[in-house]
Amino acid sequence: MSNRCEICGKGTTAGHNVSHSIRRTKRVFKPNLFKVRAVIDGRPKRIKVCASCLRAGKVTKPVS
């Protein structure tokens, strides 16, 4: 299982830590993922979804 949103495909990206003296070291930006039960093809399934997709309402949760 990769560190990627299954709705929008958001994943890790690379960048730099920048100090006050403007020296740069490599770093990784990770998405804010949640394991959520969602309805996929009419059946509940556990998927990884980023917080922005959850807030936007792109995930339909199963009725229990």
N, C-alpha and C. Protein backbone atom coordinates (compact mmCIF):
# COMPACT_ATOMS: atom_id res chain seq x y z
N MET A 1 0.84 -1.18 0.00
CA MET A 1 0.00 0.00 0.00
C MET A 1 0.88 1.23 0.00
N SER A 2 0.66 2.09 -0.97
CA SER A 2 1.47 3.29 -1.07
C SER A 2 0.87 4.42 -0.26
N ASN A 3 1.63 5.46 -0.10
CA ASN A 3 1.20 6.63 0.66
C ASN A 3 0.54 7.61 -0.31
N ARG A 4 -0.65 7.23 -0.82
CA ARG A 4 -1.32 7.99 -1.87
C ARG A 4 -2.83 7.97 -1.64
N CYS A 5 -3.48 9.11 -1.92
CA CYS A 5 -4.94 9.20 -1.82
C CYS A 5 -5.56 8.42 -2.96
N GLU A 6 -6.55 7.57 -2.65
CA GLU A 6 -7.17 6.75 -3.68
C GLU A 6 -8.25 7.50 -4.45
N ILE A 7 -8.60 8.72 -4.04
CA ILE A 7 -9.59 9.51 -4.76
C ILE A 7 -8.91 10.46 -5.74
N CYS A 8 -8.00 11.30 -5.26
CA CYS A 8 -7.39 12.31 -6.13
C CYS A 8 -5.97 11.95 -6.56
N GLY A 9 -5.35 10.96 -5.92
CA GLY A 9 -4.00 10.56 -6.30
C GLY A 9 -2.89 11.38 -5.66
N LYS A 10 -3.23 12.21 -4.68
CA LYS A 10 -2.21 13.02 -4.00
C LYS A 10 -1.23 12.10 -3.28
N GLY A 11 0.08 12.35 -3.46
CA GLY A 11 1.10 11.53 -2.84
C GLY A 11 2.22 12.37 -2.26
N THR A 12 3.33 11.71 -1.95
CA THR A 12 4.46 12.43 -1.37
C THR A 12 5.16 13.24 -2.45
N THR A 13 5.67 14.40 -2.05
CA THR A 13 6.45 15.25 -2.93
C THR A 13 7.73 15.64 -2.20
N ALA A 14 8.76 15.95 -2.97
CA ALA A 14 10.05 16.31 -2.38
C ALA A 14 10.22 17.82 -2.38
N GLY A 15 11.02 18.29 -1.44
CA GLY A 15 11.30 19.72 -1.34
C GLY A 15 12.53 19.94 -0.50
N HIS A 16 12.64 21.13 0.07
CA HIS A 16 13.81 21.48 0.88
C HIS A 16 13.38 22.05 2.22
N ASN A 17 14.15 21.73 3.27
CA ASN A 17 14.14 22.51 4.50
C ASN A 17 15.06 23.69 4.25
N VAL A 18 14.62 24.90 4.56
CA VAL A 18 15.44 26.08 4.33
C VAL A 18 15.69 26.75 5.68
N SER A 19 16.96 26.86 6.07
CA SER A 19 17.31 27.47 7.35
C SER A 19 17.38 28.99 7.19
N HIS A 20 17.63 29.68 8.30
CA HIS A 20 17.72 31.14 8.25
C HIS A 20 18.92 31.61 7.44
N SER A 21 19.94 30.76 7.35
CA SER A 21 21.10 31.11 6.53
C SER A 21 20.92 30.62 5.08
N ILE A 22 19.70 30.22 4.75
CA ILE A 22 19.28 29.80 3.41
C ILE A 22 20.05 28.57 2.93
N ARG A 23 20.47 27.70 3.86
CA ARG A 23 21.03 26.41 3.47
C ARG A 23 19.87 25.45 3.28
N ARG A 24 19.99 24.57 2.29
CA ARG A 24 18.88 23.69 1.95
C ARG A 24 19.26 22.23 2.19
N THR A 25 18.35 21.50 2.84
CA THR A 25 18.48 20.05 2.97
C THR A 25 17.19 19.44 2.46
N LYS A 26 17.29 18.22 1.94
CA LYS A 26 16.13 17.57 1.35
C LYS A 26 15.12 17.17 2.42
N ARG A 27 13.84 17.20 2.06
CA ARG A 27 12.78 16.75 2.94
C ARG A 27 11.64 16.20 2.09
N VAL A 28 10.66 15.58 2.76
CA VAL A 28 9.53 14.97 2.06
C VAL A 28 8.24 15.55 2.64
N PHE A 29 7.33 15.96 1.76
CA PHE A 29 6.01 16.40 2.17
C PHE A 29 5.05 15.24 1.98
N LYS A 30 4.39 14.81 3.05
CA LYS A 30 3.47 13.67 2.98
C LYS A 30 2.03 14.16 3.04
N PRO A 31 1.12 13.51 2.34
CA PRO A 31 -0.30 13.90 2.38
C PRO A 31 -0.92 13.51 3.72
N ASN A 32 -1.97 14.23 4.09
CA ASN A 32 -2.69 13.97 5.34
C ASN A 32 -3.75 12.91 5.06
N LEU A 33 -3.37 11.62 5.22
CA LEU A 33 -4.24 10.52 4.84
C LEU A 33 -4.97 9.92 6.03
N PHE A 34 -6.19 9.44 5.75
CA PHE A 34 -7.02 8.74 6.73
C PHE A 34 -7.51 7.44 6.12
N LYS A 35 -7.59 6.39 6.93
CA LYS A 35 -8.21 5.15 6.48
C LYS A 35 -9.70 5.27 6.79
N VAL A 36 -10.52 5.23 5.75
CA VAL A 36 -11.95 5.51 5.87
C VAL A 36 -12.74 4.40 5.20
N ARG A 37 -13.87 4.04 5.78
CA ARG A 37 -14.79 3.12 5.11
C ARG A 37 -15.65 3.95 4.17
N ALA A 38 -15.62 3.61 2.88
CA ALA A 38 -16.36 4.35 1.87
C ALA A 38 -17.11 3.36 0.99
N VAL A 39 -18.15 3.86 0.33
CA VAL A 39 -18.92 3.03 -0.59
C VAL A 39 -18.26 3.10 -1.96
N ILE A 40 -17.73 1.96 -2.42
CA ILE A 40 -17.10 1.84 -3.73
C ILE A 40 -17.86 0.74 -4.49
N ASP A 41 -18.43 1.09 -5.64
CA ASP A 41 -19.20 0.15 -6.47
C ASP A 41 -20.34 -0.49 -5.67
N GLY A 42 -20.98 0.30 -4.80
CA GLY A 42 -22.13 -0.18 -4.04
C GLY A 42 -21.79 -1.00 -2.81
N ARG A 43 -20.51 -1.19 -2.52
CA ARG A 43 -20.11 -1.98 -1.36
C ARG A 43 -19.16 -1.17 -0.47
N PRO A 44 -19.25 -1.33 0.85
CA PRO A 44 -18.31 -0.62 1.73
C PRO A 44 -16.91 -1.22 1.63
N LYS A 45 -15.92 -0.35 1.56
CA LYS A 45 -14.53 -0.77 1.43
C LYS A 45 -13.66 0.23 2.19
N ARG A 46 -12.56 -0.25 2.77
CA ARG A 46 -11.65 0.63 3.50
C ARG A 46 -10.60 1.16 2.54
N ILE A 47 -10.52 2.50 2.40
CA ILE A 47 -9.58 3.12 1.48
C ILE A 47 -8.82 4.23 2.21
N LYS A 48 -7.70 4.64 1.62
CA LYS A 48 -6.94 5.78 2.13
C LYS A 48 -7.38 7.04 1.38
N VAL A 49 -7.79 8.07 2.14
CA VAL A 49 -8.30 9.30 1.55
C VAL A 49 -7.63 10.48 2.24
N CYS A 50 -7.26 11.51 1.46
CA CYS A 50 -6.64 12.70 2.04
C CYS A 50 -7.72 13.58 2.68
N ALA A 51 -7.30 14.46 3.56
CA ALA A 51 -8.23 15.30 4.31
C ALA A 51 -8.98 16.27 3.41
N SER A 52 -8.34 16.74 2.33
CA SER A 52 -9.02 17.68 1.45
C SER A 52 -10.16 17.01 0.69
N CYS A 53 -10.02 15.74 0.33
CA CYS A 53 -11.12 15.01 -0.33
C CYS A 53 -12.26 14.75 0.65
N LEU A 54 -11.93 14.47 1.91
CA LEU A 54 -12.98 14.27 2.92
C LEU A 54 -13.77 15.55 3.14
N ARG A 55 -13.08 16.68 3.26
CA ARG A 55 -13.76 17.95 3.49
C ARG A 55 -14.60 18.37 2.28
N ALA A 56 -14.13 18.03 1.08
CA ALA A 56 -14.85 18.41 -0.14
C ALA A 56 -16.07 17.53 -0.39
N GLY A 57 -16.23 16.44 0.36
CA GLY A 57 -17.38 15.56 0.21
C GLY A 57 -17.25 14.62 -0.97
N LYS A 58 -16.04 14.28 -1.36
CA LYS A 58 -15.83 13.37 -2.49
C LYS A 58 -15.98 11.90 -2.09
N VAL A 59 -16.19 11.64 -0.77
CA VAL A 59 -16.32 10.28 -0.27
C VAL A 59 -17.72 10.08 0.29
N THR A 60 -18.39 9.00 -0.14
CA THR A 60 -19.69 8.66 0.44
C THR A 60 -19.48 7.55 1.45
N LYS A 61 -19.88 7.79 2.69
CA LYS A 61 -19.69 6.82 3.76
C LYS A 61 -20.89 5.88 3.80
N PRO A 62 -20.68 4.62 4.19
CA PRO A 62 -21.79 3.66 4.23
C PRO A 62 -22.73 3.95 5.39
N VAL A 63 -24.01 3.66 5.17
CA VAL A 63 -25.02 3.83 6.22
C VAL A 63 -25.03 2.54 7.02
N SER A 64 -24.83 2.67 8.34
CA SER A 64 -24.78 1.46 9.18
C SER A 64 -26.06 1.22 9.94
